[in-house]
């Protein structure tokens, strides 16, 4: 049996992902390191402590902001 797939938008790009992913599982699926990112789901910031319990539903708009070190 094939997994159920849903359509979401990640950083403005349409993506097809397995249904039932949490924010944490989505990051793993997309191979995004979780240590230096902030997540916005449907225009609301998701706190890191909630990533494991926050589901990404069909049609979700996800923004992944990566923090980059640097400067002088």
N, C-alpha and C. Protein backbone atom coordinates (compact mmCIF):
# COMPACT_ATOMS: atom_id res chain seq x y z
N UNK A 1 0.84 -1.18 0.00
CA UNK A 1 0.00 0.00 0.00
C UNK A 1 0.89 1.25 0.00
N UNK A 2 0.60 2.16 -0.89
CA UNK A 2 1.39 3.38 -1.01
C UNK A 2 0.97 4.39 0.05
N UNK A 3 1.92 5.21 0.53
CA UNK A 3 1.56 6.22 1.53
C UNK A 3 0.65 7.29 0.93
N UNK A 4 -0.17 7.89 1.76
CA UNK A 4 -1.03 8.99 1.34
C UNK A 4 -0.16 10.23 1.26
N UNK A 5 -0.27 10.95 0.16
CA UNK A 5 0.52 12.16 -0.04
C UNK A 5 -0.37 13.38 0.01
N UNK A 6 0.20 14.49 0.49
CA UNK A 6 -0.53 15.76 0.53
C UNK A 6 0.31 16.83 -0.14
N UNK A 7 -0.35 17.89 -0.55
CA UNK A 7 0.31 19.04 -1.16
C UNK A 7 0.44 20.15 -0.12
N UNK A 8 1.65 20.67 0.03
CA UNK A 8 1.90 21.81 0.90
C UNK A 8 2.79 22.79 0.15
N UNK A 9 2.99 23.95 0.72
CA UNK A 9 3.91 24.94 0.16
C UNK A 9 5.02 25.17 1.16
N UNK A 10 6.27 25.03 0.70
CA UNK A 10 7.44 25.25 1.55
C UNK A 10 8.25 26.38 0.94
N UNK A 11 8.37 27.48 1.69
CA UNK A 11 9.11 28.66 1.21
C UNK A 11 8.68 29.06 -0.20
N UNK A 12 7.36 29.04 -0.42
CA UNK A 12 6.79 29.48 -1.69
C UNK A 12 6.79 28.44 -2.80
N UNK A 13 7.30 27.24 -2.52
CA UNK A 13 7.40 26.19 -3.54
C UNK A 13 6.44 25.04 -3.21
N UNK A 14 5.63 24.63 -4.17
CA UNK A 14 4.71 23.51 -3.96
C UNK A 14 5.51 22.23 -3.75
N UNK A 15 5.14 21.45 -2.74
CA UNK A 15 5.81 20.19 -2.44
C UNK A 15 4.76 19.13 -2.16
N UNK A 16 5.07 17.89 -2.48
CA UNK A 16 4.24 16.75 -2.14
C UNK A 16 4.98 15.96 -1.07
N UNK A 17 4.32 15.75 0.06
CA UNK A 17 4.94 15.06 1.19
C UNK A 17 3.97 14.03 1.75
N UNK A 18 4.47 13.07 2.53
CA UNK A 18 3.56 12.10 3.15
C UNK A 18 2.62 12.78 4.14
N UNK A 19 1.40 12.31 4.21
CA UNK A 19 0.43 12.82 5.17
C UNK A 19 0.84 12.41 6.58
N UNK A 20 0.44 13.21 7.55
CA UNK A 20 0.65 12.86 8.95
C UNK A 20 1.99 13.29 9.53
N UNK A 21 2.75 14.10 8.77
CA UNK A 21 4.04 14.55 9.29
C UNK A 21 3.85 15.65 10.32
N UNK A 22 4.68 15.62 11.35
CA UNK A 22 4.78 16.75 12.26
C UNK A 22 5.79 17.72 11.67
N UNK A 23 5.92 18.89 12.27
CA UNK A 23 6.93 19.84 11.81
C UNK A 23 8.32 19.21 11.91
N UNK A 24 8.61 18.53 13.01
CA UNK A 24 9.92 17.88 13.18
C UNK A 24 10.15 16.83 12.10
N UNK A 25 9.14 16.02 11.81
CA UNK A 25 9.27 14.98 10.79
C UNK A 25 9.40 15.59 9.39
N UNK A 26 8.75 16.73 9.17
CA UNK A 26 8.87 17.41 7.88
C UNK A 26 10.32 17.86 7.67
N UNK A 27 10.93 18.43 8.69
CA UNK A 27 12.33 18.85 8.57
C UNK A 27 13.22 17.66 8.23
N UNK A 28 12.99 16.54 8.89
CA UNK A 28 13.75 15.33 8.60
C UNK A 28 13.52 14.90 7.15
N UNK A 29 12.26 14.88 6.74
CA UNK A 29 11.90 14.48 5.38
C UNK A 29 12.59 15.37 4.34
N UNK A 30 12.66 16.67 4.63
CA UNK A 30 13.27 17.62 3.70
C UNK A 30 14.79 17.71 3.87
N UNK A 31 15.31 16.96 4.82
CA UNK A 31 16.75 16.95 5.12
C UNK A 31 17.26 18.34 5.50
N UNK A 32 16.47 19.02 6.33
CA UNK A 32 16.84 20.34 6.83
C UNK A 32 17.32 20.18 8.27
N UNK A 33 18.55 20.61 8.58
CA UNK A 33 19.03 20.52 9.96
C UNK A 33 18.18 21.40 10.87
N UNK A 34 17.72 20.85 11.96
CA UNK A 34 16.78 21.53 12.84
C UNK A 34 17.44 22.47 13.84
N UNK A 35 18.75 22.46 13.92
CA UNK A 35 19.40 23.22 14.98
C UNK A 35 19.46 24.73 14.74
N UNK A 36 19.33 25.18 13.52
CA UNK A 36 19.43 26.62 13.23
C UNK A 36 18.31 27.12 12.34
N UNK A 37 17.08 26.71 12.63
CA UNK A 37 15.95 27.18 11.83
C UNK A 37 14.82 27.65 12.72
N UNK A 38 13.99 28.49 12.15
CA UNK A 38 12.71 28.89 12.74
C UNK A 38 11.63 28.46 11.76
N UNK A 39 10.49 28.07 12.29
CA UNK A 39 9.40 27.56 11.45
C UNK A 39 8.16 28.43 11.61
N UNK A 40 7.58 28.78 10.47
CA UNK A 40 6.29 29.45 10.45
C UNK A 40 5.33 28.53 9.71
N UNK A 41 4.22 28.22 10.34
CA UNK A 41 3.21 27.35 9.75
C UNK A 41 1.91 28.13 9.64
N UNK A 42 1.47 28.33 8.40
CA UNK A 42 0.24 29.09 8.15
C UNK A 42 0.28 30.45 8.82
N UNK A 43 1.43 31.13 8.66
CA UNK A 43 1.64 32.49 9.14
C UNK A 43 1.74 32.62 10.66
N UNK A 44 2.00 31.51 11.34
CA UNK A 44 2.19 31.54 12.80
C UNK A 44 3.49 30.83 13.14
N UNK A 45 4.29 31.45 14.01
CA UNK A 45 5.55 30.85 14.45
C UNK A 45 5.23 29.61 15.29
N UNK A 46 5.95 28.53 15.03
CA UNK A 46 5.80 27.30 15.83
C UNK A 46 7.05 27.20 16.71
N UNK A 47 6.85 27.19 18.01
CA UNK A 47 7.98 27.09 18.93
C UNK A 47 8.62 25.72 18.81
N UNK A 48 9.93 25.68 18.98
CA UNK A 48 10.68 24.44 18.80
C UNK A 48 10.14 23.31 19.67
N UNK A 49 9.70 23.62 20.86
CA UNK A 49 9.16 22.61 21.77
C UNK A 49 7.86 21.98 21.27
N UNK A 50 7.24 22.60 20.27
CA UNK A 50 5.97 22.10 19.74
C UNK A 50 6.14 21.39 18.39
N UNK A 51 7.35 21.36 17.85
CA UNK A 51 7.56 20.76 16.53
C UNK A 51 7.16 19.30 16.48
N UNK A 52 7.38 18.55 17.54
CA UNK A 52 7.08 17.13 17.55
C UNK A 52 5.61 16.79 17.64
N UNK A 53 4.80 17.77 17.98
CA UNK A 53 3.36 17.52 18.13
C UNK A 53 2.49 18.33 17.17
N UNK A 54 3.10 19.22 16.40
CA UNK A 54 2.34 20.07 15.47
C UNK A 54 2.29 19.40 14.10
N UNK A 55 1.09 19.03 13.67
CA UNK A 55 0.91 18.37 12.38
C UNK A 55 0.88 19.36 11.23
N UNK A 56 1.41 18.93 10.10
CA UNK A 56 1.38 19.71 8.87
C UNK A 56 0.27 19.12 8.00
N UNK A 57 -0.79 19.89 7.81
CA UNK A 57 -1.96 19.40 7.09
C UNK A 57 -1.93 19.77 5.61
N UNK A 58 -2.79 19.14 4.85
CA UNK A 58 -2.99 19.44 3.42
C UNK A 58 -3.15 20.94 3.23
N UNK A 59 -2.44 21.50 2.26
CA UNK A 59 -2.57 22.91 1.94
C UNK A 59 -1.78 23.85 2.85
N UNK A 60 -1.02 23.30 3.79
CA UNK A 60 -0.27 24.12 4.73
C UNK A 60 0.76 24.98 4.00
N UNK A 61 0.99 26.16 4.55
CA UNK A 61 2.04 27.05 4.07
C UNK A 61 3.13 27.07 5.13
N UNK A 62 4.31 26.56 4.77
CA UNK A 62 5.42 26.45 5.71
C UNK A 62 6.55 27.35 5.25
N UNK A 63 7.06 28.15 6.16
CA UNK A 63 8.24 28.96 5.89
C UNK A 63 9.34 28.47 6.82
N UNK A 64 10.48 28.12 6.25
CA UNK A 64 11.63 27.67 7.02
C UNK A 64 12.70 28.74 6.88
N UNK A 65 13.04 29.36 8.00
CA UNK A 65 14.04 30.43 8.01
C UNK A 65 15.30 29.87 8.65
N UNK A 66 16.40 29.91 7.91
CA UNK A 66 17.66 29.40 8.40
C UNK A 66 18.51 30.54 8.95
N UNK A 67 19.07 30.33 10.13
CA UNK A 67 19.96 31.31 10.74
C UNK A 67 21.38 31.03 10.28
N UNK A 68 22.07 32.07 9.90
CA UNK A 68 23.44 31.93 9.41
C UNK A 68 24.34 32.76 10.31
N UNK A 69 25.39 32.14 10.83
CA UNK A 69 26.34 32.86 11.67
C UNK A 69 27.28 33.69 10.81
N UNK A 70 27.95 34.60 11.44
CA UNK A 70 28.91 35.41 10.71
C UNK A 70 29.06 36.77 11.36
N UNK A 71 29.69 37.62 10.67
CA UNK A 71 29.91 38.97 11.18
C UNK A 71 31.30 39.12 11.75
N UNK A 72 31.54 40.27 12.35
CA UNK A 72 32.87 40.56 12.92
C UNK A 72 32.79 40.80 14.38
